[in-house]
Amino acid sequence: MPRHILHIFPSFEVGGAQRRFAALLAQGGGGFRHTVFAMDGCYDALKLMNRDTVAQLETPPIAKGASWQAIRHCRTILAGVQPDLLVTYNWGSVEWALANRFAPICPMVHVQDGFGSDELGREKASRRIARAFTYRGADAVVVPSRTLEQIARNSWRIPQARLKYIPNGIDVMRFGGERDSDFLAQFGLTDDDRIIGTVAGLRPEKNIGRLIEAYHSLLNDFADIRLVIVGDGVGKSALKMLAERIGLKQRIIFTGNLPEPERILPAFEIFALSSDTEQMPLSVVEAMAAGLPVASTDVGDIARMVAHENRPFIQGREAPELAESLAALLSDQDNARAIGAANKAKARAEFGFAAMAAAYDRLYGSLADRRGQPR
């Protein structure tokens, strides 16, 4: 019987952590049996993966707010499931990490991908204390960025032996395709369109409104550009209303989630990111692998991720600064293409999928084998 891993997500909506998980399963899942539980009951990301490779834990969502009651409930479920390894993701799964903190039922890994919109700029003091207390009880804490590694080490005091830096990786060769005219046509796009594009969950911390504002300010000088927003989420309706209110309903395209973003990325001239907070976004790695220049707010590891030539266009946190970067890239297409080529080379050299998958397999395998043994 394969060793069993129980994965706890705050939500299993389509996002970076869920897409990484789907990619790991697509490569065989490390020989483990995987079960997913979403705290909010959203399992949209299951459509990204073969259901033969992952099961959904059939238990109702767990209400937030009554923490001690929720922790006891989580421990009861965990004792019934008896996985070989528990993997929790981000703050929204903290009840499960606490449920396994003392007299652990199984080994535990915590994966921290970033922070939500309610902790922009800095951690809440209460959560910083809770994270330090909770995650020091994990057998390993995984972070995909050097920024988070520093926070985990200095703020949460995670012992170095238990802190694992595993940068996100992708199948870079998937993103080397050409523009697909037939695919673009379904969104009303043509080969002649100059496109600024983004791929993001439409949540507050992604601040797509900032990107729309930056795009709007460019139209006097670049009347032929269009904005394509790939993704879905709670903010979609409000963003579409914003586009309509400022008269850009026909120029801003909302595609919804695309299981294969590599089909649309080759049509982008520039990849844009407008987030208030990030760490090591998969969307940026994918854009780099597709040979795109990146214009972004200066958050997380993005300036470290992109090629040296691209770093001047990772700046600030406001719409005018993002618009400045976009305008500079739109004005010099030869330079933009050269930057894109440098990004592709860096993605292939540093962000391949195999190294990431091997690191997770080694970590999960070593800890699952320790079930029932003292730490």
Protein backbone atom coordinates (compact mmCIF):
# COMPACT_ATOMS: atom_id res chain seq x y z
CA MET A 1 0.00 0.00 0.00
CA PRO A 2 1.46 3.43 -0.97
CA ARG A 3 2.17 5.80 1.87
CA HIS A 4 -0.70 8.23 2.43
CA ILE A 5 -0.32 12.03 2.50
CA LEU A 6 -3.15 14.28 3.69
CA HIS A 7 -2.91 17.83 2.24
CA ILE A 8 -4.80 20.66 3.99
CA PHE A 9 -5.47 23.82 1.95
CA PRO A 10 -7.32 26.93 3.14
CA SER A 11 -9.08 26.67 -0.23
CA PHE A 12 -8.57 24.40 -3.20
CA GLU A 13 -9.45 27.11 -5.69
CA VAL A 14 -7.16 27.45 -8.69
CA GLY A 15 -3.99 29.23 -7.56
CA GLY A 16 -0.23 28.85 -7.55
CA ALA A 17 0.01 26.28 -4.74
CA GLN A 18 -2.79 24.21 -6.23
CA ARG A 19 -1.27 24.31 -9.72
CA ARG A 20 2.09 23.20 -8.29
CA PHE A 21 0.36 20.35 -6.48
CA ALA A 22 -1.42 19.32 -9.71
CA ALA A 23 1.89 19.32 -11.59
CA LEU A 24 3.54 17.14 -8.94
CA LEU A 25 0.69 14.65 -9.16
CA ALA A 26 0.84 14.64 -12.96
CA GLN A 27 4.41 13.40 -12.72
CA GLY A 28 3.37 10.42 -10.64
CA GLY A 29 2.88 11.98 -7.21
CA GLY A 30 6.10 10.52 -5.84
CA GLY A 31 4.55 7.10 -5.40
CA PHE A 32 2.28 8.34 -2.58
CA ARG A 33 -1.48 8.20 -2.12
CA HIS A 34 -2.82 11.76 -1.82
CA THR A 35 -5.95 13.14 -0.16
CA VAL A 36 -6.98 16.81 -0.19
CA PHE A 37 -9.12 18.76 2.25
CA ALA A 38 -10.16 22.38 1.65
CA MET A 39 -11.11 24.36 4.75
CA ASP A 40 -13.67 26.44 2.82
CA GLY A 41 -15.17 23.57 0.83
CA CYS A 42 -13.94 24.90 -2.54
CA TYR A 43 -12.41 22.16 -4.72
CA ASP A 44 -12.25 23.94 -8.10
CA ALA A 45 -8.60 22.95 -8.64
CA LEU A 46 -9.53 19.26 -8.76
CA LYS A 47 -10.39 19.84 -12.42
CA LEU A 48 -6.68 20.41 -13.09
CA MET A 49 -5.76 16.85 -12.17
CA ASN A 50 -6.58 13.23 -12.85
CA ARG A 51 -9.02 12.19 -10.14
CA ASP A 52 -7.37 8.75 -10.05
CA THR A 53 -4.31 10.38 -8.45
CA VAL A 54 -6.01 12.31 -5.62
CA ALA A 55 -8.99 11.86 -3.34
CA GLN A 56 -11.15 14.46 -1.63
CA LEU A 57 -11.57 14.07 2.11
CA GLU A 58 -15.30 13.65 2.50
CA THR A 59 -15.99 15.80 5.52
CA PRO A 60 -17.80 19.17 5.72
CA PRO A 61 -15.87 22.46 5.70
CA ILE A 62 -14.59 23.53 9.11
CA ALA A 63 -15.93 26.83 10.41
CA LYS A 64 -13.35 29.47 11.24
CA GLY A 65 -13.57 31.57 14.39
CA ALA A 66 -14.18 28.94 17.08
CA SER A 67 -10.52 27.98 17.06
CA TRP A 68 -10.28 25.51 19.94
CA GLN A 69 -13.40 23.72 18.82
CA ALA A 70 -12.03 23.61 15.26
CA ILE A 71 -8.66 22.30 16.49
CA ARG A 72 -10.35 19.49 18.41
CA HIS A 73 -12.46 18.66 15.36
CA CYS A 74 -9.35 18.56 13.15
CA ARG A 75 -7.57 16.24 15.57
CA THR A 76 -10.54 13.88 15.64
CA ILE A 77 -10.53 13.69 11.83
CA LEU A 78 -6.75 13.30 11.74
CA ALA A 79 -6.90 10.43 14.24
CA GLY A 80 -9.49 8.73 12.08
CA VAL A 81 -7.61 9.15 8.81
CA GLN A 82 -4.19 8.19 10.25
CA PRO A 83 -2.11 9.50 7.31
CA ASP A 84 1.59 8.79 7.06
CA LEU A 85 2.23 12.52 6.59
CA LEU A 86 0.23 15.71 7.14
CA VAL A 87 0.99 18.68 4.86
CA THR A 88 -0.56 22.05 5.74
CA TYR A 89 -0.52 25.13 3.51
CA ASN A 90 -0.43 28.74 4.66
CA TRP A 91 -2.20 30.42 7.56
CA GLY A 92 -5.68 29.18 6.67
CA SER A 93 -4.80 25.61 7.69
CA VAL A 94 -3.32 26.52 11.09
CA GLU A 95 -5.99 24.58 13.02
CA TRP A 96 -4.67 21.32 11.57
CA ALA A 97 -1.08 22.21 12.38
CA LEU A 98 -2.10 22.98 15.96
CA ALA A 99 -4.12 19.77 16.14
CA ASN A 100 -0.91 17.85 15.44
CA ARG A 101 1.37 20.10 17.53
CA PHE A 102 1.44 18.01 20.73
CA ALA A 103 1.46 14.19 20.84
CA PRO A 104 1.68 14.20 17.04
CA ILE A 105 -0.48 11.66 15.22
CA CYS A 106 1.87 11.71 12.24
CA PRO A 107 4.87 13.66 10.89
CA MET A 108 3.98 17.11 9.55
CA VAL A 109 5.23 19.50 6.87
CA HIS A 110 4.05 23.09 6.66
CA VAL A 111 4.30 24.83 3.26
CA GLN A 112 4.24 28.63 3.37
CA ASP A 113 3.66 30.24 -0.03
CA GLY A 114 2.94 33.77 1.11
CA PHE A 115 0.48 36.02 2.91
CA GLY A 116 -3.06 37.19 2.28
CA SER A 117 -4.46 40.66 1.73
CA ASP A 118 -4.90 41.20 5.48
CA GLU A 119 -1.13 41.06 6.06
CA LEU A 120 0.16 43.36 3.38
CA GLY A 121 3.53 44.84 4.20
CA ARG A 122 3.93 43.07 7.55
CA GLU A 123 2.64 40.17 9.58
CA LYS A 124 -0.01 40.68 12.21
CA ALA A 125 1.71 40.41 15.59
CA SER A 126 -0.73 37.80 16.86
CA ARG A 127 -0.20 35.63 13.80
CA ARG A 128 3.57 36.00 13.96
CA ILE A 129 3.51 34.65 17.51
CA ALA A 130 1.08 31.87 16.55
CA ARG A 131 3.17 30.87 13.53
CA ALA A 132 6.33 30.73 15.61
CA PHE A 133 4.62 28.53 18.21
CA THR A 134 2.84 26.29 15.70
CA TYR A 135 5.37 25.79 12.94
CA ARG A 136 8.29 25.13 15.25
CA GLY A 137 6.42 21.91 15.97
CA ALA A 138 6.53 20.83 12.33
CA ASP A 139 9.09 18.32 11.11
CA ALA A 140 9.80 20.64 8.18
CA VAL A 141 8.74 24.10 6.98
CA VAL A 142 8.97 24.59 3.21
CA VAL A 143 9.30 28.03 1.59
CA PRO A 144 9.67 28.81 -2.14
CA SER A 145 11.38 32.18 -1.77
CA ARG A 146 14.42 33.64 -0.04
CA THR A 147 12.20 36.40 1.35
CA LEU A 148 10.05 33.84 3.15
CA GLU A 149 13.11 31.88 4.21
CA GLN A 150 14.36 34.95 6.05
CA ILE A 151 10.97 35.50 7.71
CA ALA A 152 10.72 31.86 8.80
CA ARG A 153 14.23 31.94 10.23
CA ASN A 154 14.21 35.35 11.91
CA SER A 155 10.55 35.92 12.79
CA TRP A 156 9.29 32.40 13.50
CA ARG A 157 12.65 31.04 14.70
CA ILE A 158 12.34 27.84 12.68
CA PRO A 159 15.48 25.75 13.29
CA GLN A 160 17.74 25.72 10.24
CA ALA A 161 17.65 21.91 10.05
CA ARG A 162 13.87 21.99 9.61
CA LEU A 163 13.70 24.94 7.20
CA LYS A 164 13.61 23.83 3.55
CA TYR A 165 13.98 26.25 0.64
CA ILE A 166 12.41 24.62 -2.45
CA PRO A 167 11.94 27.13 -5.28
CA ASN A 168 8.95 26.61 -7.55
CA GLY A 169 9.68 24.83 -10.79
CA ILE A 170 7.74 24.14 -13.98
CA ASP A 171 8.01 22.05 -17.10
CA VAL A 172 9.74 24.87 -18.96
CA MET A 173 9.53 23.14 -22.34
CA ARG A 174 5.72 23.36 -22.25
CA PHE A 175 6.01 27.13 -22.61
CA GLY A 176 8.05 27.33 -25.79
CA GLY A 177 5.14 27.27 -28.24
CA GLU A 178 4.01 29.72 -30.90
CA ARG A 179 1.01 32.07 -30.99
CA ASP A 180 -2.19 30.03 -31.58
CA SER A 181 -4.49 32.14 -33.76
CA ASP A 182 -7.49 29.83 -33.45
CA PHE A 183 -7.21 29.76 -29.66
CA LEU A 184 -7.02 33.58 -29.53
CA ALA A 185 -10.04 33.98 -31.78
CA GLN A 186 -12.39 32.55 -29.15
CA PHE A 187 -11.59 35.58 -26.99
CA GLY A 188 -11.95 38.08 -29.82
CA LEU A 189 -8.18 38.49 -30.20
CA THR A 190 -6.20 38.56 -33.44
CA ASP A 191 -2.56 38.16 -34.43
CA ASP A 192 -2.35 41.93 -34.89
CA ASP A 193 -3.23 42.74 -31.28
CA ARG A 194 -0.48 43.98 -29.00
CA ILE A 195 -1.27 42.39 -25.66
CA ILE A 196 -0.33 43.10 -22.08
CA GLY A 197 -1.35 40.03 -20.14
CA THR A 198 -1.47 38.62 -16.66
CA VAL A 199 -2.31 35.28 -15.03
CA ALA A 200 -3.60 35.59 -11.48
CA GLY A 201 -6.26 34.56 -9.02
CA LEU A 202 -8.68 37.49 -8.92
CA ARG A 203 -8.30 38.11 -5.20
CA PRO A 204 -7.72 41.43 -3.39
CA GLU A 205 -3.99 40.90 -2.83
CA LYS A 206 -3.42 40.51 -6.59
CA ASN A 207 -4.71 44.09 -7.03
CA ILE A 208 -5.75 43.72 -10.67
CA GLY A 209 -7.43 47.11 -10.30
CA ARG A 210 -3.91 48.59 -10.14
CA LEU A 211 -3.07 46.90 -13.46
CA ILE A 212 -6.26 48.21 -15.05
CA GLU A 213 -5.39 51.71 -13.84
CA ALA A 214 -1.87 51.44 -15.27
CA TYR A 215 -3.22 50.10 -18.58
CA HIS A 216 -5.80 52.88 -18.81
CA SER A 217 -3.08 55.52 -18.43
CA LEU A 218 -1.16 54.09 -21.41
CA LEU A 219 -3.92 54.32 -24.00
CA ASN A 220 -3.21 57.88 -25.12
CA ASP A 221 0.26 56.83 -26.26
CA PHE A 222 -0.44 53.18 -27.17
CA ALA A 223 -3.95 53.08 -28.57
CA ASP A 224 -3.52 49.60 -30.10
CA ILE A 225 -2.76 47.64 -26.92
CA ARG A 226 -5.21 45.28 -25.21
CA LEU A 227 -5.22 43.87 -21.70
CA VAL A 228 -5.85 40.15 -21.17
CA ILE A 229 -6.59 38.91 -17.65
CA VAL A 230 -6.37 35.14 -17.19
CA GLY A 231 -7.86 33.82 -13.97
CA ASP A 232 -10.92 33.73 -11.79
CA GLY A 233 -11.89 34.53 -8.23
CA VAL A 234 -14.04 36.56 -5.90
CA GLY A 235 -12.98 39.87 -7.46
CA LYS A 236 -13.95 39.08 -11.05
CA SER A 237 -17.37 40.75 -11.06
CA ALA A 238 -16.04 43.97 -9.53
CA LEU A 239 -13.15 44.12 -11.99
CA LYS A 240 -15.46 43.64 -14.96
CA MET A 241 -17.68 46.42 -13.63
CA LEU A 242 -14.60 48.65 -13.31
CA ALA A 243 -13.59 47.95 -16.91
CA GLU A 244 -17.10 48.80 -18.09
CA ARG A 245 -17.33 51.95 -15.97
CA ILE A 246 -14.15 53.44 -17.46
CA GLY A 247 -15.21 52.54 -20.99
CA LEU A 248 -12.79 49.64 -21.56
CA LYS A 249 -15.22 46.72 -21.67
CA GLN A 250 -14.20 45.88 -25.25
CA ARG A 251 -10.48 46.34 -24.68
CA ILE A 252 -10.01 44.29 -21.49
CA ILE A 253 -10.49 40.56 -21.95
CA PHE A 254 -11.32 38.28 -19.02
CA THR A 255 -10.66 34.69 -20.08
CA GLY A 256 -11.43 32.95 -16.80
CA ASN A 257 -9.20 30.11 -15.66
CA LEU A 258 -7.18 28.40 -18.39
CA PRO A 259 -5.86 24.92 -17.49
CA GLU A 260 -3.14 25.38 -20.12
CA PRO A 261 -1.80 28.95 -19.83
CA GLU A 262 0.97 28.03 -22.26
CA ARG A 263 -1.60 28.33 -25.04
CA ILE A 264 -2.14 32.05 -24.50
CA LEU A 265 1.20 33.27 -23.11
CA PRO A 266 2.94 33.33 -26.54
CA ALA A 267 0.43 35.98 -27.62
CA PHE A 268 1.46 38.36 -24.85
CA GLU A 269 3.97 41.08 -25.65
CA ILE A 270 4.52 41.80 -21.94
CA PHE A 271 3.60 39.89 -18.82
CA ALA A 272 2.38 42.19 -16.03
CA LEU A 273 1.97 41.55 -12.31
CA SER A 274 0.33 44.11 -10.03
CA SER A 275 0.23 42.26 -6.70
CA ASP A 276 0.49 43.79 -3.24
CA THR A 277 2.22 40.63 -2.02
CA GLU A 278 3.92 37.66 -3.68
CA GLN A 279 6.81 35.35 -2.96
CA MET A 280 7.83 33.24 -5.96
CA PRO A 281 4.81 33.28 -8.28
CA LEU A 282 4.54 30.40 -10.75
CA SER A 283 2.94 32.76 -13.26
CA VAL A 284 6.19 34.74 -13.50
CA VAL A 285 8.24 31.58 -14.03
CA GLU A 286 5.82 30.51 -16.77
CA ALA A 287 6.03 33.93 -18.44
CA MET A 288 9.82 33.77 -18.33
CA ALA A 289 9.78 30.28 -19.87
CA ALA A 290 7.54 31.64 -22.62
CA GLY A 291 10.17 34.26 -23.42
CA LEU A 292 8.32 37.30 -22.11
CA PRO A 293 9.60 40.47 -20.46
CA VAL A 294 7.99 41.10 -17.07
CA ALA A 295 6.70 44.38 -15.63
CA SER A 296 5.80 44.02 -11.97
CA THR A 297 5.47 45.59 -8.59
CA ASP A 298 8.57 44.98 -6.50
CA VAL A 299 7.33 42.26 -4.16
CA GLY A 300 8.77 38.99 -2.89
CA ASP A 301 11.53 37.40 -4.94
CA ILE A 302 10.43 38.71 -8.34
CA ALA A 303 13.44 40.99 -8.84
CA ARG A 304 15.71 38.02 -8.02
CA MET A 305 13.77 35.69 -10.31
CA VAL A 306 13.93 37.63 -13.56
CA ALA A 307 17.03 38.07 -15.70
CA HIS A 308 19.38 40.94 -14.83
CA GLU A 309 18.21 42.88 -17.91
CA ASN A 310 14.61 42.76 -16.67
CA ARG A 311 15.23 44.06 -13.14
CA PRO A 312 14.72 47.79 -13.92
CA PHE A 313 11.09 46.97 -14.77
CA ILE A 314 10.37 45.45 -11.34
CA GLN A 315 9.72 48.60 -9.36
CA GLY A 316 7.48 50.27 -6.84
CA ARG A 317 4.03 49.40 -5.57
CA GLU A 318 1.82 51.93 -7.38
CA ALA A 319 0.03 52.15 -10.73
CA PRO A 320 2.18 55.01 -12.17
CA GLU A 321 5.37 53.01 -11.59
CA LEU A 322 3.86 49.92 -13.21
CA ALA A 323 2.67 52.07 -16.14
CA GLU A 324 6.19 53.49 -16.52
CA SER A 325 7.67 50.00 -16.80
CA LEU A 326 5.01 48.92 -19.29
CA ALA A 327 5.50 52.05 -21.41
CA ALA A 328 9.27 51.56 -21.57
CA LEU A 329 8.86 47.96 -22.76
CA LEU A 330 6.14 48.87 -25.27
CA SER A 331 8.30 51.69 -26.68
CA ASP A 332 11.34 49.50 -27.39
CA GLN A 333 10.16 46.17 -28.76
CA ASP A 334 13.67 45.01 -29.69
CA ASN A 335 14.82 45.48 -26.11
CA ALA A 336 11.67 43.81 -24.80
CA ARG A 337 12.32 40.77 -27.01
CA ALA A 338 15.94 40.61 -25.84
CA ILE A 339 14.79 40.73 -22.21
CA GLY A 340 12.28 37.97 -22.93
CA ALA A 341 15.03 35.80 -24.39
CA ALA A 342 17.18 36.35 -21.31
CA ASN A 343 14.25 35.41 -19.08
CA LYS A 344 13.69 32.20 -21.05
CA ALA A 345 17.33 31.23 -20.65
CA LYS A 346 17.20 31.85 -16.91
CA ALA A 347 13.96 29.90 -16.48
CA ARG A 348 15.42 26.90 -18.28
CA ALA A 349 18.64 27.06 -16.29
CA GLU A 350 17.18 27.59 -12.79
CA PHE A 351 13.46 26.82 -12.57
CA GLY A 352 13.01 23.38 -14.08
CA PHE A 353 10.35 21.07 -12.70
CA ALA A 354 12.53 18.01 -12.09
CA ALA A 355 14.63 19.57 -9.32
CA MET A 356 11.56 20.80 -7.45
CA ALA A 357 9.73 17.47 -7.75
CA ALA A 358 12.77 15.53 -6.57
CA ALA A 359 13.15 17.80 -3.54
CA TYR A 360 9.52 17.32 -2.50
CA ASP A 361 9.69 13.56 -3.07
CA ARG A 362 12.81 13.25 -0.94
CA LEU A 363 11.34 15.33 1.87
CA TYR A 364 7.94 13.65 1.90
CA GLY A 365 9.43 10.18 1.62
CA SER A 366 11.93 10.69 4.44
CA LEU A 367 9.24 12.01 6.81
CA ALA A 368 6.50 9.52 5.91
CA ASP A 369 8.97 6.71 6.68
CA ARG A 370 9.35 8.11 10.20
CA ARG A 371 5.69 7.72 11.22
CA GLY A 372 5.54 6.21 14.67
CA GLN A 373 9.17 7.03 15.45
CA PRO A 374 10.27 9.69 17.94
CA ARG A 375 11.44 12.98 16.44
